[in-house]
């Protein structure tokens, strides 16, 4: 999977795919880690505009990137959460560790 990302200064925006399962999360995690390291990212933004499904692997992806960004003293944001993804964030506790920008 090729990540269609956007980098501006120290910000990386990742448009999340329609479905985030084990296979997608594994590959996406590796690519994002590479981009964070290569571009010295300080603000990582996950854009959930197109995402309809995310399983526990997606939750793990988010937690893993949060840990990575903590090492770089950066922030992790999520934007455009639909109803289903918002419920996943609530039930998994991601709201406590990921900054959700509701105005984006």
PDB file of N, CA and C in Angstrom:
ATOM      1  N   UNK A   1       0.842  -1.186   0.000  1.00  0.00           N
ATOM      2  CA  UNK A   1       0.000   0.000   0.000  1.00  0.00           C
ATOM      3  C   UNK A   1       0.878   1.236   0.000  1.00  0.00           C
ATOM      4  N   UNK A   2       0.587   2.146  -0.875  1.00  0.00           N
ATOM      5  CA  UNK A   2       1.294   3.416  -0.904  1.00  0.00           C
ATOM      6  C   UNK A   2       0.469   4.446  -0.159  1.00  0.00           C
ATOM      7  N   UNK A   3       1.111   5.098   0.806  1.00  0.00           N
ATOM      8  CA  UNK A   3       0.439   6.123   1.586  1.00  0.00           C
ATOM      9  C   UNK A   3       0.379   7.391   0.753  1.00  0.00           C
ATOM     10  N   UNK A   4      -0.804   7.951   0.597  1.00  0.00           N
ATOM     11  CA  UNK A   4      -0.982   9.221  -0.093  1.00  0.00           C
ATOM     12  C   UNK A   4      -1.006  10.298   0.982  1.00  0.00           C
ATOM     13  N   UNK A   5       0.156  10.780   1.342  1.00  0.00           N
ATOM     14  CA  UNK A   5       0.297  11.690   2.467  1.00  0.00           C
ATOM     15  C   UNK A   5       0.577  13.115   1.997  1.00  0.00           C
ATOM     16  N   UNK A   6       0.490  14.040   2.959  1.00  0.00           N
ATOM     17  CA  UNK A   6       0.787  15.448   2.714  1.00  0.00           C
ATOM     18  C   UNK A   6       1.740  15.915   3.807  1.00  0.00           C
ATOM     19  N   UNK A   7       2.858  16.501   3.413  1.00  0.00           N
ATOM     20  CA  UNK A   7       3.830  17.014   4.377  1.00  0.00           C
ATOM     21  C   UNK A   7       3.973  18.513   4.177  1.00  0.00           C
ATOM     22  N   UNK A   8       3.831  19.267   5.264  1.00  0.00           N
ATOM     23  CA  UNK A   8       4.098  20.694   5.237  1.00  0.00           C
ATOM     24  C   UNK A   8       4.877  21.035   6.502  1.00  0.00           C
ATOM     25  N   UNK A   9       6.055  21.596   6.324  1.00  0.00           N
ATOM     26  CA  UNK A   9       6.972  21.896   7.424  1.00  0.00           C
ATOM     27  C   UNK A   9       7.158  20.646   8.270  1.00  0.00           C
ATOM     28  N   UNK A  10       6.689  20.646   9.494  1.00  0.00           N
ATOM     29  CA  UNK A  10       6.871  19.495  10.384  1.00  0.00           C
ATOM     30  C   UNK A  10       5.555  18.768  10.637  1.00  0.00           C
ATOM     31  N   UNK A  11       4.610  18.880   9.713  1.00  0.00           N
ATOM     32  CA  UNK A  11       3.304  18.229   9.847  1.00  0.00           C
ATOM     33  C   UNK A  11       3.125  17.175   8.759  1.00  0.00           C
ATOM     34  N   UNK A  12       2.632  16.018   9.163  1.00  0.00           N
ATOM     35  CA  UNK A  12       2.330  14.928   8.243  1.00  0.00           C
ATOM     36  C   UNK A  12       0.855  14.592   8.364  1.00  0.00           C
ATOM     37  N   UNK A  13       0.118  14.678   7.248  1.00  0.00           N
ATOM     38  CA  UNK A  13      -1.303  14.342   7.219  1.00  0.00           C
ATOM     39  C   UNK A  13      -1.462  13.030   6.456  1.00  0.00           C
ATOM     40  N   UNK A  14      -2.085  12.057   7.109  1.00  0.00           N
ATOM     41  CA  UNK A  14      -2.305  10.740   6.523  1.00  0.00           C
ATOM     42  C   UNK A  14      -3.802  10.548   6.282  1.00  0.00           C
ATOM     43  N   UNK A  15      -4.236  10.546   5.010  1.00  0.00           N
ATOM     44  CA  UNK A  15      -5.630  10.195   4.725  1.00  0.00           C
ATOM     45  C   UNK A  15      -5.814   8.693   4.959  1.00  0.00           C
ATOM     46  N   UNK A  16      -6.628   8.334   5.911  1.00  0.00           N
ATOM     47  CA  UNK A  16      -6.822   6.930   6.254  1.00  0.00           C
ATOM     48  C   UNK A  16      -7.721   6.259   5.215  1.00  0.00           C
ATOM     49  N   UNK A  17      -7.433   4.977   4.910  1.00  0.00           N
ATOM     50  CA  UNK A  17      -8.241   4.263   3.915  1.00  0.00           C
ATOM     51  C   UNK A  17      -9.643   3.954   4.422  1.00  0.00           C
ATOM     52  N   UNK A  18     -10.481   3.458   3.531  1.00  0.00           N
ATOM     53  CA  UNK A  18     -11.867   3.144   3.875  1.00  0.00           C
ATOM     54  C   UNK A  18     -11.949   2.073   4.959  1.00  0.00           C
ATOM     55  N   UNK A  19     -11.068   1.071   4.895  1.00  0.00           N
ATOM     56  CA  UNK A  19     -11.040   0.012   5.899  1.00  0.00           C
ATOM     57  C   UNK A  19      -9.635  -0.105   6.471  1.00  0.00           C
ATOM     58  N   UNK A  20      -9.553  -0.103   7.791  1.00  0.00           N
ATOM     59  CA  UNK A  20      -8.267  -0.257   8.467  1.00  0.00           C
ATOM     60  C   UNK A  20      -8.315  -1.575   9.239  1.00  0.00           C
ATOM     61  N   UNK A  21      -7.700  -2.613   8.632  1.00  0.00           N
ATOM     62  CA  UNK A  21      -7.647  -3.925   9.271  1.00  0.00           C
ATOM     63  C   UNK A  21      -6.180  -4.282   9.539  1.00  0.00           C
ATOM     64  N   UNK A  22      -5.934  -5.542   9.923  1.00  0.00           N
ATOM     65  CA  UNK A  22      -4.582  -5.972  10.306  1.00  0.00           C
ATOM     66  C   UNK A  22      -3.562  -5.710   9.200  1.00  0.00           C
ATOM     67  N   UNK A  23      -3.866  -6.116   7.994  1.00  0.00           N
ATOM     68  CA  UNK A  23      -2.920  -5.962   6.886  1.00  0.00           C
ATOM     69  C   UNK A  23      -2.617  -4.492   6.613  1.00  0.00           C
ATOM     70  N   UNK A  24      -3.642  -3.695   6.535  1.00  0.00           N
ATOM     71  CA  UNK A  24      -3.470  -2.259   6.271  1.00  0.00           C
ATOM     72  C   UNK A  24      -2.698  -1.592   7.404  1.00  0.00           C
ATOM     73  N   UNK A  25      -3.070  -1.887   8.649  1.00  0.00           N
ATOM     74  CA  UNK A  25      -2.436  -1.251   9.805  1.00  0.00           C
ATOM     75  C   UNK A  25      -0.945  -1.569   9.873  1.00  0.00           C
ATOM     76  N   UNK A  26      -0.588  -2.810   9.610  1.00  0.00           N
ATOM     77  CA  UNK A  26       0.816  -3.226   9.663  1.00  0.00           C
ATOM     78  C   UNK A  26       1.654  -2.445   8.652  1.00  0.00           C
ATOM     79  N   UNK A  27       1.203  -2.409   7.414  1.00  0.00           N
ATOM     80  CA  UNK A  27       1.942  -1.701   6.365  1.00  0.00           C
ATOM     81  C   UNK A  27       1.941  -0.194   6.578  1.00  0.00           C
ATOM     82  N   UNK A  28       0.802   0.336   6.969  1.00  0.00           N
ATOM     83  CA  UNK A  28       0.676   1.770   7.198  1.00  0.00           C
ATOM     84  C   UNK A  28       1.587   2.219   8.335  1.00  0.00           C
ATOM     85  N   UNK A  29       1.652   1.434   9.392  1.00  0.00           N
ATOM     86  CA  UNK A  29       2.512   1.769  10.527  1.00  0.00           C
ATOM     87  C   UNK A  29       3.970   1.900  10.126  1.00  0.00           C
ATOM     88  N   UNK A  30       4.441   0.958   9.323  1.00  0.00           N
ATOM     89  CA  UNK A  30       5.839   1.003   8.860  1.00  0.00           C
ATOM     90  C   UNK A  30       6.096   2.245   8.002  1.00  0.00           C
ATOM     91  N   UNK A  31       5.178   2.533   7.092  1.00  0.00           N
ATOM     92  CA  UNK A  31       5.356   3.689   6.212  1.00  0.00           C
ATOM     93  C   UNK A  31       5.319   4.999   7.002  1.00  0.00           C
ATOM     94  N   UNK A  32       4.389   5.102   7.941  1.00  0.00           N
ATOM     95  CA  UNK A  32       4.283   6.327   8.740  1.00  0.00           C
ATOM     96  C   UNK A  32       5.533   6.520   9.582  1.00  0.00           C
ATOM     97  N   UNK A  33       6.028   5.447  10.207  1.00  0.00           N
ATOM     98  CA  UNK A  33       7.259   5.565  11.011  1.00  0.00           C
ATOM     99  C   UNK A  33       8.425   6.052  10.163  1.00  0.00           C
ATOM    100  N   UNK A  34       8.530   5.533   8.940  1.00  0.00           N
ATOM    101  CA  UNK A  34       9.586   5.968   8.025  1.00  0.00           C
ATOM    102  C   UNK A  34       9.445   7.457   7.714  1.00  0.00           C
ATOM    103  N   UNK A  35       8.225   7.898   7.434  1.00  0.00           N
ATOM    104  CA  UNK A  35       7.990   9.307   7.108  1.00  0.00           C
ATOM    105  C   UNK A  35       8.259  10.220   8.299  1.00  0.00           C
ATOM    106  N   UNK A  36       7.854   9.792   9.491  1.00  0.00           N
ATOM    107  CA  UNK A  36       8.097  10.589  10.698  1.00  0.00           C
ATOM    108  C   UNK A  36       9.596  10.807  10.880  1.00  0.00           C
ATOM    109  N   UNK A  37      10.350   9.745  10.723  1.00  0.00           N
ATOM    110  CA  UNK A  37      11.795   9.827  10.901  1.00  0.00           C
ATOM    111  C   UNK A  37      12.455  10.632   9.783  1.00  0.00           C
ATOM    112  N   UNK A  38      12.028  10.416   8.556  1.00  0.00           N
ATOM    113  CA  UNK A  38      12.642  11.087   7.403  1.00  0.00           C
ATOM    114  C   UNK A  38      12.391  12.592   7.380  1.00  0.00           C
ATOM    115  N   UNK A  39      11.180  13.002   7.749  1.00  0.00           N
ATOM    116  CA  UNK A  39      10.791  14.410   7.651  1.00  0.00           C
ATOM    117  C   UNK A  39      10.843  15.143   8.994  1.00  0.00           C
ATOM    118  N   UNK A  40      11.254  14.462  10.062  1.00  0.00           N
ATOM    119  CA  UNK A  40      11.323  15.062  11.401  1.00  0.00           C
ATOM    120  C   UNK A  40       9.980  15.683  11.791  1.00  0.00           C
ATOM    121  N   UNK A  41       8.962  14.875  11.706  1.00  0.00           N
ATOM    122  CA  UNK A  41       7.584  15.308  11.940  1.00  0.00           C
ATOM    123  C   UNK A  41       7.348  15.618  13.420  1.00  0.00           C
ATOM    124  N   UNK A  42       6.655  16.706  13.677  1.00  0.00           N
ATOM    125  CA  UNK A  42       6.281  17.088  15.045  1.00  0.00           C
ATOM    126  C   UNK A  42       4.769  17.043  15.251  1.00  0.00           C
ATOM    127  N   UNK A  43       4.017  16.993  14.163  1.00  0.00           N
ATOM    128  CA  UNK A  43       2.555  16.935  14.254  1.00  0.00           C
ATOM    129  C   UNK A  43       2.052  15.931  13.218  1.00  0.00           C
ATOM    130  N   UNK A  44       1.491  14.834  13.722  1.00  0.00           N
ATOM    131  CA  UNK A  44       0.955  13.779  12.870  1.00  0.00           C
ATOM    132  C   UNK A  44      -0.564  13.869  12.901  1.00  0.00           C
ATOM    133  N   UNK A  45      -1.179  13.938  11.716  1.00  0.00           N
ATOM    134  CA  UNK A  45      -2.627  14.094  11.629  1.00  0.00           C
ATOM    135  C   UNK A  45      -3.205  12.924  10.826  1.00  0.00           C
ATOM    136  N   UNK A  46      -4.112  12.184  11.450  1.00  0.00           N
ATOM    137  CA  UNK A  46      -4.840  11.124  10.771  1.00  0.00           C
ATOM    138  C   UNK A  46      -6.175  11.690  10.306  1.00  0.00           C
ATOM    139  N   UNK A  47      -6.426  11.640   9.007  1.00  0.00           N
ATOM    140  CA  UNK A  47      -7.679  12.142   8.434  1.00  0.00           C
ATOM    141  C   UNK A  47      -8.593  10.946   8.152  1.00  0.00           C
ATOM    142  N   UNK A  48      -9.667  10.837   8.920  1.00  0.00           N
ATOM    143  CA  UNK A  48     -10.595   9.718   8.824  1.00  0.00           C
ATOM    144  C   UNK A  48     -11.795  10.007   7.928  1.00  0.00           C
ATOM    145  N   UNK A  49     -11.691  10.975   7.055  1.00  0.00           N
ATOM    146  CA  UNK A  49     -12.801  11.384   6.186  1.00  0.00           C
ATOM    147  C   UNK A  49     -13.406  10.200   5.427  1.00  0.00           C
ATOM    148  N   UNK A  50     -12.588   9.296   4.906  1.00  0.00           N
ATOM    149  CA  UNK A  50     -13.060   8.182   4.076  1.00  0.00           C
ATOM    150  C   UNK A  50     -13.237   6.869   4.849  1.00  0.00           C
ATOM    151  N   UNK A  51     -12.851   6.841   6.115  1.00  0.00           N
ATOM    152  CA  UNK A  51     -12.811   5.584   6.866  1.00  0.00           C
ATOM    153  C   UNK A  51     -14.184   5.188   7.397  1.00  0.00           C
ATOM    154  N   UNK A  52     -14.568   3.946   7.083  1.00  0.00           N
ATOM    155  CA  UNK A  52     -15.843   3.401   7.538  1.00  0.00           C
ATOM    156  C   UNK A  52     -15.665   2.256   8.529  1.00  0.00           C
ATOM    157  N   UNK A  53     -14.490   1.613   8.505  1.00  0.00           N
ATOM    158  CA  UNK A  53     -14.256   0.457   9.363  1.00  0.00           C
ATOM    159  C   UNK A  53     -12.834   0.501   9.912  1.00  0.00           C
ATOM    160  N   UNK A  54     -12.696   0.203  11.213  1.00  0.00           N
ATOM    161  CA  UNK A  54     -11.382   0.090  11.830  1.00  0.00           C
ATOM    162  C   UNK A  54     -11.479  -0.940  12.933  1.00  0.00           C
ATOM    163  N   UNK A  55     -10.621  -1.962  12.881  1.00  0.00           N
ATOM    164  CA  UNK A  55     -10.634  -2.980  13.920  1.00  0.00           C
ATOM    165  C   UNK A  55      -9.544  -2.685  14.956  1.00  0.00           C
ATOM    166  N   UNK A  56      -9.282  -3.648  15.826  1.00  0.00           N
ATOM    167  CA  UNK A  56      -8.313  -3.446  16.900  1.00  0.00           C
ATOM    168  C   UNK A  56      -6.908  -3.183  16.364  1.00  0.00           C
ATOM    169  N   UNK A  57      -6.602  -3.658  15.171  1.00  0.00           N
ATOM    170  CA  UNK A  57      -5.296  -3.372  14.570  1.00  0.00           C
ATOM    171  C   UNK A  57      -5.145  -1.882  14.283  1.00  0.00           C
ATOM    172  N   UNK A  58      -6.233  -1.244  13.889  1.00  0.00           N
ATOM    173  CA  UNK A  58      -6.221   0.201  13.674  1.00  0.00           C
ATOM    174  C   UNK A  58      -6.015   0.961  14.969  1.00  0.00           C
ATOM    175  N   UNK A  59      -6.627   0.457  16.032  1.00  0.00           N
ATOM    176  CA  UNK A  59      -6.425   1.066  17.346  1.00  0.00           C
ATOM    177  C   UNK A  59      -4.958   0.933  17.743  1.00  0.00           C
ATOM    178  N   UNK A  60      -4.398  -0.246  17.503  1.00  0.00           N
ATOM    179  CA  UNK A  60      -2.977  -0.470  17.789  1.00  0.00           C
ATOM    180  C   UNK A  60      -2.077   0.440  16.971  1.00  0.00           C
ATOM    181  N   UNK A  61      -2.453   0.664  15.718  1.00  0.00           N
ATOM    182  CA  UNK A  61      -1.714   1.582  14.855  1.00  0.00           C
ATOM    183  C   UNK A  61      -1.672   2.972  15.480  1.00  0.00           C
ATOM    184  N   UNK A  62      -2.806   3.436  15.947  1.00  0.00           N
ATOM    185  CA  UNK A  62      -2.887   4.772  16.552  1.00  0.00           C
ATOM    186  C   UNK A  62      -2.039   4.846  17.826  1.00  0.00           C
ATOM    187  N   UNK A  63      -2.143   3.842  18.676  1.00  0.00           N
ATOM    188  CA  UNK A  63      -1.373   3.826  19.923  1.00  0.00           C
ATOM    189  C   UNK A  63       0.123   3.781  19.625  1.00  0.00           C
ATOM    190  N   UNK A  64       0.512   2.959  18.654  1.00  0.00           N
ATOM    191  CA  UNK A  64       1.922   2.871  18.288  1.00  0.00           C
ATOM    192  C   UNK A  64       2.482   4.173  17.770  1.00  0.00           C
ATOM    193  N   UNK A  65       1.711   4.871  16.945  1.00  0.00           N
ATOM    194  CA  UNK A  65       2.182   6.155  16.426  1.00  0.00           C
ATOM    195  C   UNK A  65       2.218   7.204  17.522  1.00  0.00           C
ATOM    196  N   UNK A  66       1.314   7.113  18.481  1.00  0.00           N
ATOM    197  CA  UNK A  66       1.346   8.036  19.621  1.00  0.00           C
ATOM    198  C   UNK A  66       2.645   7.842  20.402  1.00  0.00           C
ATOM    199  N   UNK A  67       3.026   6.591  20.622  1.00  0.00           N
ATOM    200  CA  UNK A  67       4.283   6.310  21.323  1.00  0.00           C
ATOM    201  C   UNK A  67       5.476   6.839  20.537  1.00  0.00           C
ATOM    202  N   UNK A  68       5.452   6.648  19.220  1.00  0.00           N
ATOM    203  CA  UNK A  68       6.534   7.161  18.371  1.00  0.00           C
ATOM    204  C   UNK A  68       6.618   8.672  18.469  1.00  0.00           C
ATOM    205  N   UNK A  69       5.473   9.341  18.367  1.00  0.00           N
ATOM    206  CA  UNK A  69       5.468  10.804  18.422  1.00  0.00           C
ATOM    207  C   UNK A  69       5.876  11.313  19.799  1.00  0.00           C
ATOM    208  N   UNK A  70       5.573  10.569  20.845  1.00  0.00           N
ATOM    209  CA  UNK A  70       6.032  10.952  22.183  1.00  0.00           C
ATOM    210  C   UNK A  70       7.561  10.976  22.240  1.00  0.00           C
ATOM    211  N   UNK A  71       8.203  10.029  21.567  1.00  0.00           N
ATOM    212  CA  UNK A  71       9.669  10.001  21.514  1.00  0.00           C
ATOM    213  C   UNK A  71      10.229  11.224  20.802  1.00  0.00           C
ATOM    214  N   UNK A  72       9.498  11.731  19.805  1.00  0.00           N
ATOM    215  CA  UNK A  72       9.915  12.906  19.051  1.00  0.00           C
ATOM    216  C   UNK A  72       9.360  14.205  19.653  1.00  0.00           C
ATOM    217  N   UNK A  73       8.693  14.076  20.793  1.00  0.00           N
ATOM    218  CA  UNK A  73       8.041  15.216  21.458  1.00  0.00           C
ATOM    219  C   UNK A  73       7.045  15.902  20.529  1.00  0.00           C
ATOM    220  N   UNK A  74       6.294  15.074  19.808  1.00  0.00           N
ATOM    221  CA  UNK A  74       5.301  15.584  18.879  1.00  0.00           C
ATOM    222  C   UNK A  74       3.887  15.280  19.338  1.00  0.00           C
ATOM    223  N   UNK A  75       2.932  15.628  18.486  1.00  0.00           N
ATOM    224  CA  UNK A  75       1.511  15.445  18.793  1.00  0.00           C
ATOM    225  C   UNK A  75       0.861  14.580  17.730  1.00  0.00           C
ATOM    226  N   UNK A  76      -0.207  13.883  18.141  1.00  0.00           N
ATOM    227  CA  UNK A  76      -1.006  13.103  17.207  1.00  0.00           C
ATOM    228  C   UNK A  76      -2.424  13.652  17.237  1.00  0.00           C
ATOM    229  N   UNK A  77      -2.941  13.971  16.059  1.00  0.00           N
ATOM    230  CA  UNK A  77      -4.285  14.517  15.918  1.00  0.00           C
ATOM    231  C   UNK A  77      -5.121  13.598  15.029  1.00  0.00           C
ATOM    232  N   UNK A  78      -6.415  13.668  15.199  1.00  0.00           N
ATOM    233  CA  UNK A  78      -7.358  12.967  14.329  1.00  0.00           C
ATOM    234  C   UNK A  78      -8.417  13.977  13.884  1.00  0.00           C
ATOM    235  N   UNK A  79      -8.753  13.917  12.595  1.00  0.00           N
ATOM    236  CA  UNK A  79      -9.757  14.837  12.063  1.00  0.00           C
ATOM    237  C   UNK A  79     -10.792  14.051  11.260  1.00  0.00           C
ATOM    238  N   UNK A  80     -11.936  14.670  11.080  1.00  0.00           N
ATOM    239  CA  UNK A  80     -13.035  14.132  10.270  1.00  0.00           C
ATOM    240  C   UNK A  80     -13.486  12.745  10.720  1.00  0.00           C
ATOM    241  N   UNK A  81     -13.698  12.598  12.015  1.00  0.00           N
ATOM    242  CA  UNK A  81     -14.193  11.329  12.540  1.00  0.00           C
ATOM    243  C   UNK A  81     -15.682  11.195  12.260  1.00  0.00           C
ATOM    244  N   UNK A  82     -16.047  10.144  11.552  1.00  0.00           N
ATOM    245  CA  UNK A  82     -17.456   9.844  11.343  1.00  0.00           C
ATOM    246  C   UNK A  82     -18.022   9.217  12.605  1.00  0.00           C
ATOM    247  N   UNK A  83     -19.304   8.955  12.592  1.00  0.00           N
ATOM    248  CA  UNK A  83     -19.982   8.417  13.770  1.00  0.00           C
ATOM    249  C   UNK A  83     -19.377   7.085  14.231  1.00  0.00           C
ATOM    250  N   UNK A  84     -19.154   6.192  13.297  1.00  0.00           N
ATOM    251  CA  UNK A  84     -18.615   4.864  13.643  1.00  0.00           C
ATOM    252  C   UNK A  84     -17.196   4.969  14.218  1.00  0.00           C
ATOM    253  N   UNK A  85     -16.335   5.765  13.600  1.00  0.00           N
ATOM    254  CA  UNK A  85     -14.958   5.916  14.071  1.00  0.00           C
ATOM    255  C   UNK A  85     -14.941   6.652  15.408  1.00  0.00           C
ATOM    256  N   UNK A  86     -15.836   7.598  15.582  1.00  0.00           N
ATOM    257  CA  UNK A  86     -15.959   8.308  16.853  1.00  0.00           C
ATOM    258  C   UNK A  86     -16.301   7.329  17.981  1.00  0.00           C
ATOM    259  N   UNK A  87     -17.199   6.393  17.714  1.00  0.00           N
ATOM    260  CA  UNK A  87     -17.552   5.366  18.701  1.00  0.00           C
ATOM    261  C   UNK A  87     -16.352   4.493  19.038  1.00  0.00           C
ATOM    262  N   UNK A  88     -15.569   4.142  18.036  1.00  0.00           N
ATOM    263  CA  UNK A  88     -14.365   3.336  18.266  1.00  0.00           C
ATOM    264  C   UNK A  88     -13.377   4.105  19.146  1.00  0.00           C
ATOM    265  N   UNK A  89     -13.205   5.388  18.870  1.00  0.00           N
ATOM    266  CA  UNK A  89     -12.322   6.223  19.691  1.00  0.00           C
ATOM    267  C   UNK A  89     -12.813   6.260  21.143  1.00  0.00           C
ATOM    268  N   UNK A  90     -14.115   6.422  21.326  1.00  0.00           N
ATOM    269  CA  UNK A  90     -14.688   6.471  22.677  1.00  0.00           C
ATOM    270  C   UNK A  90     -14.476   5.174  23.428  1.00  0.00           C
ATOM    271  N   UNK A  91     -14.867   4.071  22.823  1.00  0.00           N
ATOM    272  CA  UNK A  91     -14.821   2.771  23.496  1.00  0.00           C
ATOM    273  C   UNK A  91     -13.401   2.279  23.745  1.00  0.00           C
ATOM    274  N   UNK A  92     -12.470   2.664  22.883  1.00  0.00           N
ATOM    275  CA  UNK A  92     -11.090   2.196  23.033  1.00  0.00           C
ATOM    276  C   UNK A  92     -10.248   3.102  23.930  1.00  0.00           C
ATOM    277  N   UNK A  93     -10.737   4.288  24.209  1.00  0.00           N
ATOM    278  CA  UNK A  93      -9.970   5.235  25.013  1.00  0.00           C
ATOM    279  C   UNK A  93      -9.016   6.097  24.202  1.00  0.00           C
ATOM    280  N   UNK A  94      -9.087   6.014  22.876  1.00  0.00           N
ATOM    281  CA  UNK A  94      -8.199   6.828  22.048  1.00  0.00           C
ATOM    282  C   UNK A  94      -8.409   8.324  22.270  1.00  0.00           C
ATOM    283  N   UNK A  95      -9.623   8.712  22.669  1.00  0.00           N
ATOM    284  CA  UNK A  95      -9.893  10.131  22.945  1.00  0.00           C
ATOM    285  C   UNK A  95      -8.983  10.685  24.035  1.00  0.00           C
ATOM    286  N   UNK A  96      -8.500   9.812  24.908  1.00  0.00           N
ATOM    287  CA  UNK A  96      -7.638  10.270  26.006  1.00  0.00           C
ATOM    288  C   UNK A  96      -6.204  10.518  25.572  1.00  0.00           C
ATOM    289  N   UNK A  97      -5.776   9.909  24.465  1.00  0.00           N
ATOM    290  CA  UNK A  97      -4.374  10.051  24.064  1.00  0.00           C
ATOM    291  C   UNK A  97      -4.174  10.734  22.721  1.00  0.00           C
ATOM    292  N   UNK A  98      -5.221  10.809  21.920  1.00  0.00           N
ATOM    293  CA  UNK A  98      -5.162  11.442  20.601  1.00  0.00           C
ATOM    294  C   UNK A  98      -5.985  12.722  20.625  1.00  0.00           C
ATOM    295  N   UNK A  99      -5.437  13.792  20.096  1.00  0.00           N
ATOM    296  CA  UNK A  99      -6.150  15.069  20.037  1.00  0.00           C
ATOM    297  C   UNK A  99      -7.119  15.021  18.861  1.00  0.00           C
ATOM    298  N   UNK A 100      -8.402  15.169  19.138  1.00  0.00           N
ATOM    299  CA  UNK A 100      -9.420  15.144  18.085  1.00  0.00           C
ATOM    300  C   UNK A 100      -9.791  16.589  17.773  1.00  0.00           C
ATOM    301  N   UNK A 101      -9.520  16.975  16.533  1.00  0.00           N
ATOM    302  CA  UNK A 101      -9.834  18.328  16.074  1.00  0.00           C
ATOM    303  C   UNK A 101     -11.207  18.290  15.407  1.00  0.00           C
ATOM    304  N   UNK A 102     -12.226  18.666  16.138  1.00  0.00           N
ATOM    305  CA  UNK A 102     -13.582  18.600  15.634  1.00  0.00           C
ATOM    306  C   UNK A 102     -13.913  19.736  14.673  1.00  0.00           C
ATOM    307  N   UNK A 103     -13.111  20.763  14.672  1.00  0.00           N
ATOM    308  CA  UNK A 103     -13.385  21.906  13.797  1.00  0.00           C
ATOM    309  C   UNK A 103     -12.779  21.734  12.417  1.00  0.00           C
ATOM    310  N   UNK A 104     -11.935  20.709  12.251  1.00  0.00           N
ATOM    311  CA  UNK A 104     -11.250  20.517  10.950  1.00  0.00           C
ATOM    312  C   UNK A 104     -12.217  19.998   9.920  1.00  0.00           C
TER     313      UNK A 104
END
